[in-house]
Amino acid sequence: MDHICVVFPILPGKTEEARAFQRELDTERKADYDRSERRIGITREYWFIASVPGGDQLVAYMESQDFNQAFGQFVQSQDDFDQ
């Protein structure tokens, strides 16, 4: 089982947009999001926003049997949701 944690800087003034995107994934796009995660092999995924002195950061934690394979499937996907 692979455990991956990555951190992405959020551009100044874009934190609320990041929160709105996550709310959308957790509500009206939840079924599509879950289907996509299962299809590519992500078994668990959590997103957090961390406010640090250098600015807000998006912290993502993911689990997969083979993260490199899952990431490759996501990058190559032609699925409407993934696009």
PDB file of N, CA and C in Angstrom:
ATOM      1  N   MET A   1       0.850  -1.175   0.000  1.00  0.00           N
ATOM      2  CA  MET A   1       0.000   0.000   0.000  1.00  0.00           C
ATOM      3  C   MET A   1       0.892   1.234   0.000  1.00  0.00           C
ATOM      4  N   ASP A   2       0.666   2.127  -0.954  1.00  0.00           N
ATOM      5  CA  ASP A   2       1.388   3.397  -1.014  1.00  0.00           C
ATOM      6  C   ASP A   2       0.614   4.471  -0.255  1.00  0.00           C
ATOM      7  N   HIS A   3       1.352   5.290   0.482  1.00  0.00           N
ATOM      8  CA  HIS A   3       0.788   6.427   1.204  1.00  0.00           C
ATOM      9  C   HIS A   3       1.520   7.664   0.692  1.00  0.00           C
ATOM     10  N   ILE A   4       0.782   8.612   0.145  1.00  0.00           N
ATOM     11  CA  ILE A   4       1.383   9.794  -0.473  1.00  0.00           C
ATOM     12  C   ILE A   4       0.811  11.046   0.176  1.00  0.00           C
ATOM     13  N   CYS A   5       1.669  11.985   0.463  1.00  0.00           N
ATOM     14  CA  CYS A   5       1.234  13.291   0.955  1.00  0.00           C
ATOM     15  C   CYS A   5       1.973  14.352   0.143  1.00  0.00           C
ATOM     16  N   VAL A   6       1.197  15.260  -0.469  1.00  0.00           N
ATOM     17  CA  VAL A   6       1.787  16.338  -1.261  1.00  0.00           C
ATOM     18  C   VAL A   6       1.200  17.667  -0.806  1.00  0.00           C
ATOM     19  N   VAL A   7       1.964  18.716  -1.008  1.00  0.00           N
ATOM     20  CA  VAL A   7       1.547  20.050  -0.608  1.00  0.00           C
ATOM     21  C   VAL A   7       1.644  20.972  -1.813  1.00  0.00           C
ATOM     22  N   PHE A   8       0.549  21.693  -2.075  1.00  0.00           N
ATOM     23  CA  PHE A   8       0.493  22.638  -3.186  1.00  0.00           C
ATOM     24  C   PHE A   8       0.229  24.033  -2.642  1.00  0.00           C
ATOM     25  N   PRO A   9       1.009  25.024  -3.057  1.00  0.00           N
ATOM     26  CA  PRO A   9       0.701  26.387  -2.616  1.00  0.00           C
ATOM     27  C   PRO A   9      -0.596  26.868  -3.267  1.00  0.00           C
ATOM     28  N   ILE A  10      -1.379  27.599  -2.505  1.00  0.00           N
ATOM     29  CA  ILE A  10      -2.587  28.226  -3.042  1.00  0.00           C
ATOM     30  C   ILE A  10      -2.232  29.674  -3.359  1.00  0.00           C
ATOM     31  N   LEU A  11      -2.555  30.103  -4.556  1.00  0.00           N
ATOM     32  CA  LEU A  11      -2.257  31.480  -4.935  1.00  0.00           C
ATOM     33  C   LEU A  11      -2.957  32.450  -3.998  1.00  0.00           C
ATOM     34  N   PRO A  12      -2.324  33.579  -3.691  1.00  0.00           N
ATOM     35  CA  PRO A  12      -2.952  34.564  -2.817  1.00  0.00           C
ATOM     36  C   PRO A  12      -4.348  34.943  -3.329  1.00  0.00           C
ATOM     37  N   GLY A  13      -5.311  34.959  -2.422  1.00  0.00           N
ATOM     38  CA  GLY A  13      -6.675  35.324  -2.765  1.00  0.00           C
ATOM     39  C   GLY A  13      -7.506  34.194  -3.342  1.00  0.00           C
ATOM     40  N   LYS A  14      -6.953  32.967  -3.452  1.00  0.00           N
ATOM     41  CA  LYS A  14      -7.665  31.848  -4.081  1.00  0.00           C
ATOM     42  C   LYS A  14      -8.100  30.768  -3.078  1.00  0.00           C
ATOM     43  N   THR A  15      -7.915  31.018  -1.790  1.00  0.00           N
ATOM     44  CA  THR A  15      -8.253  30.006  -0.791  1.00  0.00           C
ATOM     45  C   THR A  15      -9.734  29.672  -0.806  1.00  0.00           C
ATOM     46  N   GLU A  16     -10.590  30.663  -0.899  1.00  0.00           N
ATOM     47  CA  GLU A  16     -12.031  30.392  -0.901  1.00  0.00           C
ATOM     48  C   GLU A  16     -12.428  29.586  -2.135  1.00  0.00           C
ATOM     49  N   GLU A  17     -11.780  29.832  -3.267  1.00  0.00           N
ATOM     50  CA  GLU A  17     -12.064  29.039  -4.463  1.00  0.00           C
ATOM     51  C   GLU A  17     -11.664  27.575  -4.245  1.00  0.00           C
ATOM     52  N   ALA A  18     -10.553  27.346  -3.557  1.00  0.00           N
ATOM     53  CA  ALA A  18     -10.130  25.970  -3.248  1.00  0.00           C
ATOM     54  C   ALA A  18     -11.158  25.298  -2.337  1.00  0.00           C
ATOM     55  N   ARG A  19     -11.664  26.030  -1.350  1.00  0.00           N
ATOM     56  CA  ARG A  19     -12.694  25.482  -0.460  1.00  0.00           C
ATOM     57  C   ARG A  19     -13.981  25.192  -1.230  1.00  0.00           C
ATOM     58  N   ALA A  20     -14.365  26.089  -2.120  1.00  0.00           N
ATOM     59  CA  ALA A  20     -15.585  25.901  -2.913  1.00  0.00           C
ATOM     60  C   ALA A  20     -15.455  24.671  -3.808  1.00  0.00           C
ATOM     61  N   PHE A  21     -14.280  24.474  -4.395  1.00  0.00           N
ATOM     62  CA  PHE A  21     -14.046  23.296  -5.239  1.00  0.00           C
ATOM     63  C   PHE A  21     -14.208  22.022  -4.420  1.00  0.00           C
ATOM     64  N   GLN A  22     -13.631  21.992  -3.224  1.00  0.00           N
ATOM     65  CA  GLN A  22     -13.747  20.806  -2.382  1.00  0.00           C
ATOM     66  C   GLN A  22     -15.194  20.581  -1.957  1.00  0.00           C
ATOM     67  N   ARG A  23     -15.931  21.646  -1.645  1.00  0.00           N
ATOM     68  CA  ARG A  23     -17.355  21.493  -1.304  1.00  0.00           C
ATOM     69  C   ARG A  23     -18.123  20.884  -2.481  1.00  0.00           C
ATOM     70  N   GLU A  24     -17.805  21.323  -3.689  1.00  0.00           N
ATOM     71  CA  GLU A  24     -18.458  20.784  -4.880  1.00  0.00           C
ATOM     72  C   GLU A  24     -18.180  19.286  -5.011  1.00  0.00           C
ATOM     73  N   LEU A  25     -16.934  18.872  -4.774  1.00  0.00           N
ATOM     74  CA  LEU A  25     -16.596  17.447  -4.841  1.00  0.00           C
ATOM     75  C   LEU A  25     -17.307  16.652  -3.754  1.00  0.00           C
ATOM     76  N   ASP A  26     -17.526  17.268  -2.610  1.00  0.00           N
ATOM     77  CA  ASP A  26     -18.172  16.576  -1.484  1.00  0.00           C
ATOM     78  C   ASP A  26     -19.690  16.553  -1.591  1.00  0.00           C
ATOM     79  N   THR A  27     -20.259  17.312  -2.524  1.00  0.00           N
ATOM     80  CA  THR A  27     -21.720  17.388  -2.622  1.00  0.00           C
ATOM     81  C   THR A  27     -22.182  16.972  -4.017  1.00  0.00           C
ATOM     82  N   GLU A  28     -22.425  17.941  -4.898  1.00  0.00           N
ATOM     83  CA  GLU A  28     -23.040  17.628  -6.193  1.00  0.00           C
ATOM     84  C   GLU A  28     -22.174  16.777  -7.122  1.00  0.00           C
ATOM     85  N   ARG A  29     -20.859  16.722  -6.914  1.00  0.00           N
ATOM     86  CA  ARG A  29     -19.990  15.895  -7.774  1.00  0.00           C
ATOM     87  C   ARG A  29     -19.475  14.646  -7.058  1.00  0.00           C
ATOM     88  N   LYS A  30     -20.025  14.361  -5.873  1.00  0.00           N
ATOM     89  CA  LYS A  30     -19.516  13.266  -5.052  1.00  0.00           C
ATOM     90  C   LYS A  30     -19.546  11.917  -5.772  1.00  0.00           C
ATOM     91  N   ALA A  31     -20.633  11.591  -6.454  1.00  0.00           N
ATOM     92  CA  ALA A  31     -20.730  10.301  -7.139  1.00  0.00           C
ATOM     93  C   ALA A  31     -19.665  10.189  -8.228  1.00  0.00           C
ATOM     94  N   ASP A  32     -19.464  11.259  -9.007  1.00  0.00           N
ATOM     95  CA  ASP A  32     -18.437  11.252 -10.057  1.00  0.00           C
ATOM     96  C   ASP A  32     -17.046  11.126  -9.455  1.00  0.00           C
ATOM     97  N   TYR A  33     -16.815  11.846  -8.372  1.00  0.00           N
ATOM     98  CA  TYR A  33     -15.523  11.830  -7.686  1.00  0.00           C
ATOM     99  C   TYR A  33     -15.222  10.419  -7.164  1.00  0.00           C
ATOM    100  N   ASP A  34     -16.196   9.809  -6.480  1.00  0.00           N
ATOM    101  CA  ASP A  34     -16.006   8.456  -5.957  1.00  0.00           C
ATOM    102  C   ASP A  34     -15.741   7.459  -7.078  1.00  0.00           C
ATOM    103  N   ARG A  35     -16.490   7.566  -8.163  1.00  0.00           N
ATOM    104  CA  ARG A  35     -16.318   6.657  -9.308  1.00  0.00           C
ATOM    105  C   ARG A  35     -14.906   6.795  -9.888  1.00  0.00           C
ATOM    106  N   SER A  36     -14.445   8.023 -10.025  1.00  0.00           N
ATOM    107  CA  SER A  36     -13.110   8.277 -10.566  1.00  0.00           C
ATOM    108  C   SER A  36     -12.032   7.678  -9.659  1.00  0.00           C
ATOM    109  N   GLU A  37     -12.165   7.904  -8.360  1.00  0.00           N
ATOM    110  CA  GLU A  37     -11.174   7.388  -7.410  1.00  0.00           C
ATOM    111  C   GLU A  37     -11.112   5.857  -7.477  1.00  0.00           C
ATOM    112  N   ARG A  38     -12.269   5.206  -7.488  1.00  0.00           N
ATOM    113  CA  ARG A  38     -12.295   3.739  -7.552  1.00  0.00           C
ATOM    114  C   ARG A  38     -11.689   3.244  -8.860  1.00  0.00           C
ATOM    115  N   ARG A  39     -12.020   3.914  -9.971  1.00  0.00           N
ATOM    116  CA  ARG A  39     -11.550   3.469 -11.285  1.00  0.00           C
ATOM    117  C   ARG A  39     -10.034   3.511 -11.380  1.00  0.00           C
ATOM    118  N   ILE A  40      -9.416   4.558 -10.850  1.00  0.00           N
ATOM    119  CA  ILE A  40      -7.962   4.676 -10.980  1.00  0.00           C
ATOM    120  C   ILE A  40      -7.201   4.010  -9.833  1.00  0.00           C
ATOM    121  N   GLY A  41      -7.917   3.598  -8.778  1.00  0.00           N
ATOM    122  CA  GLY A  41      -7.258   2.849  -7.709  1.00  0.00           C
ATOM    123  C   GLY A  41      -6.844   3.653  -6.495  1.00  0.00           C
ATOM    124  N   ILE A  42      -7.424   4.828  -6.298  1.00  0.00           N
ATOM    125  CA  ILE A  42      -7.183   5.579  -5.061  1.00  0.00           C
ATOM    126  C   ILE A  42      -8.192   5.085  -4.038  1.00  0.00           C
ATOM    127  N   THR A  43      -7.710   4.514  -2.940  1.00  0.00           N
ATOM    128  CA  THR A  43      -8.605   3.927  -1.951  1.00  0.00           C
ATOM    129  C   THR A  43      -8.971   4.887  -0.832  1.00  0.00           C
ATOM    130  N   ARG A  44      -8.180   5.922  -0.635  1.00  0.00           N
ATOM    131  CA  ARG A  44      -8.467   6.928   0.396  1.00  0.00           C
ATOM    132  C   ARG A  44      -7.812   8.228  -0.040  1.00  0.00           C
ATOM    133  N   GLU A  45      -8.534   9.337   0.167  1.00  0.00           N
ATOM    134  CA  GLU A  45      -7.979  10.645  -0.199  1.00  0.00           C
ATOM    135  C   GLU A  45      -8.561  11.702   0.719  1.00  0.00           C
ATOM    136  N   TYR A  46      -7.687  12.519   1.280  1.00  0.00           N
ATOM    137  CA  TYR A  46      -8.097  13.624   2.152  1.00  0.00           C
ATOM    138  C   TYR A  46      -7.382  14.889   1.702  1.00  0.00           C
ATOM    139  N   TRP A  47      -8.096  16.000   1.754  1.00  0.00           N
ATOM    140  CA  TRP A  47      -7.534  17.305   1.403  1.00  0.00           C
ATOM    141  C   TRP A  47      -7.728  18.241   2.581  1.00  0.00           C
ATOM    142  N   PHE A  48      -6.696  19.017   2.864  1.00  0.00           N
ATOM    143  CA  PHE A  48      -6.743  19.988   3.954  1.00  0.00           C
ATOM    144  C   PHE A  48      -6.146  21.306   3.463  1.00  0.00           C
ATOM    145  N   ILE A  49      -6.586  22.390   4.059  1.00  0.00           N
ATOM    146  CA  ILE A  49      -5.951  23.686   3.796  1.00  0.00           C
ATOM    147  C   ILE A  49      -5.202  24.069   5.068  1.00  0.00           C
ATOM    148  N   ALA A  50      -3.920  24.340   4.908  1.00  0.00           N
ATOM    149  CA  ALA A  50      -3.074  24.754   6.026  1.00  0.00           C
ATOM    150  C   ALA A  50      -2.671  26.208   5.818  1.00  0.00           C
ATOM    151  N   SER A  51      -2.934  27.016   6.823  1.00  0.00           N
ATOM    152  CA  SER A  51      -2.499  28.411   6.782  1.00  0.00           C
ATOM    153  C   SER A  51      -1.163  28.499   7.494  1.00  0.00           C
ATOM    154  N   VAL A  52      -0.122  28.838   6.745  1.00  0.00           N
ATOM    155  CA  VAL A  52       1.231  28.943   7.286  1.00  0.00           C
ATOM    156  C   VAL A  52       1.771  30.337   6.974  1.00  0.00           C
ATOM    157  N   PRO A  53       2.852  30.740   7.630  1.00  0.00           N
ATOM    158  CA  PRO A  53       3.365  32.102   7.398  1.00  0.00           C
ATOM    159  C   PRO A  53       3.622  32.439   5.928  1.00  0.00           C
ATOM    160  N   GLY A  54       3.983  31.466   5.117  1.00  0.00           N
ATOM    161  CA  GLY A  54       4.259  31.718   3.710  1.00  0.00           C
ATOM    162  C   GLY A  54       3.017  31.775   2.832  1.00  0.00           C
ATOM    163  N   GLY A  55       1.846  31.533   3.406  1.00  0.00           N
ATOM    164  CA  GLY A  55       0.595  31.544   2.650  1.00  0.00           C
ATOM    165  C   GLY A  55      -0.132  30.218   2.804  1.00  0.00           C
ATOM    166  N   ASP A  56      -1.359  30.175   2.326  1.00  0.00           N
ATOM    167  CA  ASP A  56      -2.162  28.960   2.446  1.00  0.00           C
ATOM    168  C   ASP A  56      -1.629  27.864   1.523  1.00  0.00           C
ATOM    169  N   GLN A  57      -1.723  26.637   2.025  1.00  0.00           N
ATOM    170  CA  GLN A  57      -1.235  25.465   1.303  1.00  0.00           C
ATOM    171  C   GLN A  57      -2.346  24.422   1.253  1.00  0.00           C
ATOM    172  N   LEU A  58      -2.471  23.738   0.129  1.00  0.00           N
ATOM    173  CA  LEU A  58      -3.395  22.627  -0.004  1.00  0.00           C
ATOM    174  C   LEU A  58      -2.598  21.354   0.245  1.00  0.00           C
ATOM    175  N   VAL A  59      -2.980  20.604   1.272  1.00  0.00           N
ATOM    176  CA  VAL A  59      -2.289  19.378   1.660  1.00  0.00           C
ATOM    177  C   VAL A  59      -3.171  18.201   1.254  1.00  0.00           C
ATOM    178  N   ALA A  60      -2.631  17.302   0.453  1.00  0.00           N
ATOM    179  CA  ALA A  60      -3.385  16.143  -0.021  1.00  0.00           C
ATOM    180  C   ALA A  60      -2.715  14.861   0.456  1.00  0.00           C
ATOM    181  N   TYR A  61      -3.520  13.974   1.021  1.00  0.00           N
ATOM    182  CA  TYR A  61      -3.057  12.653   1.449  1.00  0.00           C
ATOM    183  C   TYR A  61      -3.841  11.615   0.657  1.00  0.00           C
ATOM    184  N   MET A  62      -3.141  10.645   0.072  1.00  0.00           N
ATOM    185  CA  MET A  62      -3.790   9.603  -0.722  1.00  0.00           C
ATOM    186  C   MET A  62      -3.193   8.237  -0.413  1.00  0.00           C
ATOM    187  N   GLU A  63      -4.036   7.227  -0.544  1.00  0.00           N
ATOM    188  CA  GLU A  63      -3.593   5.844  -0.419  1.00  0.00           C
ATOM    189  C   GLU A  63      -3.994   5.094  -1.676  1.00  0.00           C
ATOM    190  N   SER A  64      -3.123   4.189  -2.107  1.00  0.00           N
ATOM    191  CA  SER A  64      -3.375   3.363  -3.285  1.00  0.00           C
ATOM    192  C   SER A  64      -2.473   2.144  -3.212  1.00  0.00           C
ATOM    193  N   GLN A  65      -2.919   1.041  -3.781  1.00  0.00           N
ATOM    194  CA  GLN A  65      -2.058  -0.137  -3.861  1.00  0.00           C
ATOM    195  C   GLN A  65      -0.804   0.166  -4.670  1.00  0.00           C
ATOM    196  N   ASP A  66      -0.945   0.989  -5.716  1.00  0.00           N
ATOM    197  CA  ASP A  66       0.182   1.364  -6.572  1.00  0.00           C
ATOM    198  C   ASP A  66      -0.061   2.801  -7.043  1.00  0.00           C
ATOM    199  N   PHE A  67       0.487   3.752  -6.305  1.00  0.00           N
ATOM    200  CA  PHE A  67       0.205   5.152  -6.605  1.00  0.00           C
ATOM    201  C   PHE A  67       0.714   5.561  -7.986  1.00  0.00           C
ATOM    202  N   ASN A  68       1.878   5.088  -8.391  1.00  0.00           N
ATOM    203  CA  ASN A  68       2.384   5.450  -9.718  1.00  0.00           C
ATOM    204  C   ASN A  68       1.423   5.008 -10.818  1.00  0.00           C
ATOM    205  N   GLN A  69       0.871   3.816 -10.677  1.00  0.00           N
ATOM    206  CA  GLN A  69      -0.092   3.338 -11.664  1.00  0.00           C
ATOM    207  C   GLN A  69      -1.368   4.178 -11.613  1.00  0.00           C
ATOM    208  N   ALA A  70      -1.864   4.476 -10.414  1.00  0.00           N
ATOM    209  CA  ALA A  70      -3.079   5.282 -10.274  1.00  0.00           C
ATOM    210  C   ALA A  70      -2.875   6.671 -10.871  1.00  0.00           C
ATOM    211  N   PHE A  71      -1.749   7.285 -10.585  1.00  0.00           N
ATOM    212  CA  PHE A  71      -1.463   8.618 -11.119  1.00  0.00           C
ATOM    213  C   PHE A  71      -1.374   8.576 -12.647  1.00  0.00           C
ATOM    214  N   GLY A  72      -0.728   7.559 -13.177  1.00  0.00           N
ATOM    215  CA  GLY A  72      -0.631   7.407 -14.630  1.00  0.00           C
ATOM    216  C   GLY A  72      -1.997   7.255 -15.270  1.00  0.00           C
ATOM    217  N   GLN A  73      -2.878   6.488 -14.640  1.00  0.00           N
ATOM    218  CA  GLN A  73      -4.233   6.323 -15.167  1.00  0.00           C
ATOM    219  C   GLN A  73      -4.988   7.648 -15.132  1.00  0.00           C
ATOM    220  N   PHE A  74      -4.807   8.404 -14.065  1.00  0.00           N
ATOM    221  CA  PHE A  74      -5.479   9.706 -13.962  1.00  0.00           C
ATOM    222  C   PHE A  74      -4.983  10.662 -15.045  1.00  0.00           C
ATOM    223  N   VAL A  75      -3.688  10.751 -15.212  1.00  0.00           N
ATOM    224  CA  VAL A  75      -3.097  11.667 -16.195  1.00  0.00           C
ATOM    225  C   VAL A  75      -3.537  11.320 -17.612  1.00  0.00           C
ATOM    226  N   GLN A  76      -3.657  10.036 -17.934  1.00  0.00           N
ATOM    227  CA  GLN A  76      -4.024   9.603 -19.271  1.00  0.00           C
ATOM    228  C   GLN A  76      -5.538   9.495 -19.480  1.00  0.00           C
ATOM    229  N   SER A  77      -6.306   9.667 -18.426  1.00  0.00           N
ATOM    230  CA  SER A  77      -7.746   9.465 -18.510  1.00  0.00           C
ATOM    231  C   SER A  77      -8.405  10.461 -19.484  1.00  0.00           C
ATOM    232  N   GLN A  78      -9.354   9.955 -20.229  1.00  0.00           N
ATOM    233  CA  GLN A  78     -10.172  10.784 -21.109  1.00  0.00           C
ATOM    234  C   GLN A  78     -11.580  10.937 -20.533  1.00  0.00           C
ATOM    235  N   ASP A  79     -11.795  10.461 -19.313  1.00  0.00           N
ATOM    236  CA  ASP A  79     -13.080  10.577 -18.637  1.00  0.00           C
ATOM    237  C   ASP A  79     -13.431  12.051 -18.442  1.00  0.00           C
ATOM    238  N   ASP A  80     -14.681  12.414 -18.699  1.00  0.00           N
ATOM    239  CA  ASP A  80     -15.113  13.812 -18.567  1.00  0.00           C
ATOM    240  C   ASP A  80     -14.811  14.391 -17.194  1.00  0.00           C
ATOM    241  N   PHE A  81     -15.076  13.627 -16.142  1.00  0.00           N
ATOM    242  CA  PHE A  81     -14.833  14.127 -14.789  1.00  0.00           C
ATOM    243  C   PHE A  81     -13.350  14.386 -14.566  1.00  0.00           C
ATOM    244  N   ASP A  82     -12.503  13.471 -14.987  1.00  0.00           N
ATOM    245  CA  ASP A  82     -11.063  13.623 -14.794  1.00  0.00           C
ATOM    246  C   ASP A  82     -10.500  14.791 -15.584  1.00  0.00           C
ATOM    247  N   GLN A  83     -11.090  15.046 -16.718  1.00  0.00           N
ATOM    248  CA  GLN A  83     -10.620  16.168 -17.548  1.00  0.00           C
ATOM    249  C   GLN A  83     -10.941  17.476 -16.860  1.00  0.00           C
TER     250      GLN A  83
END
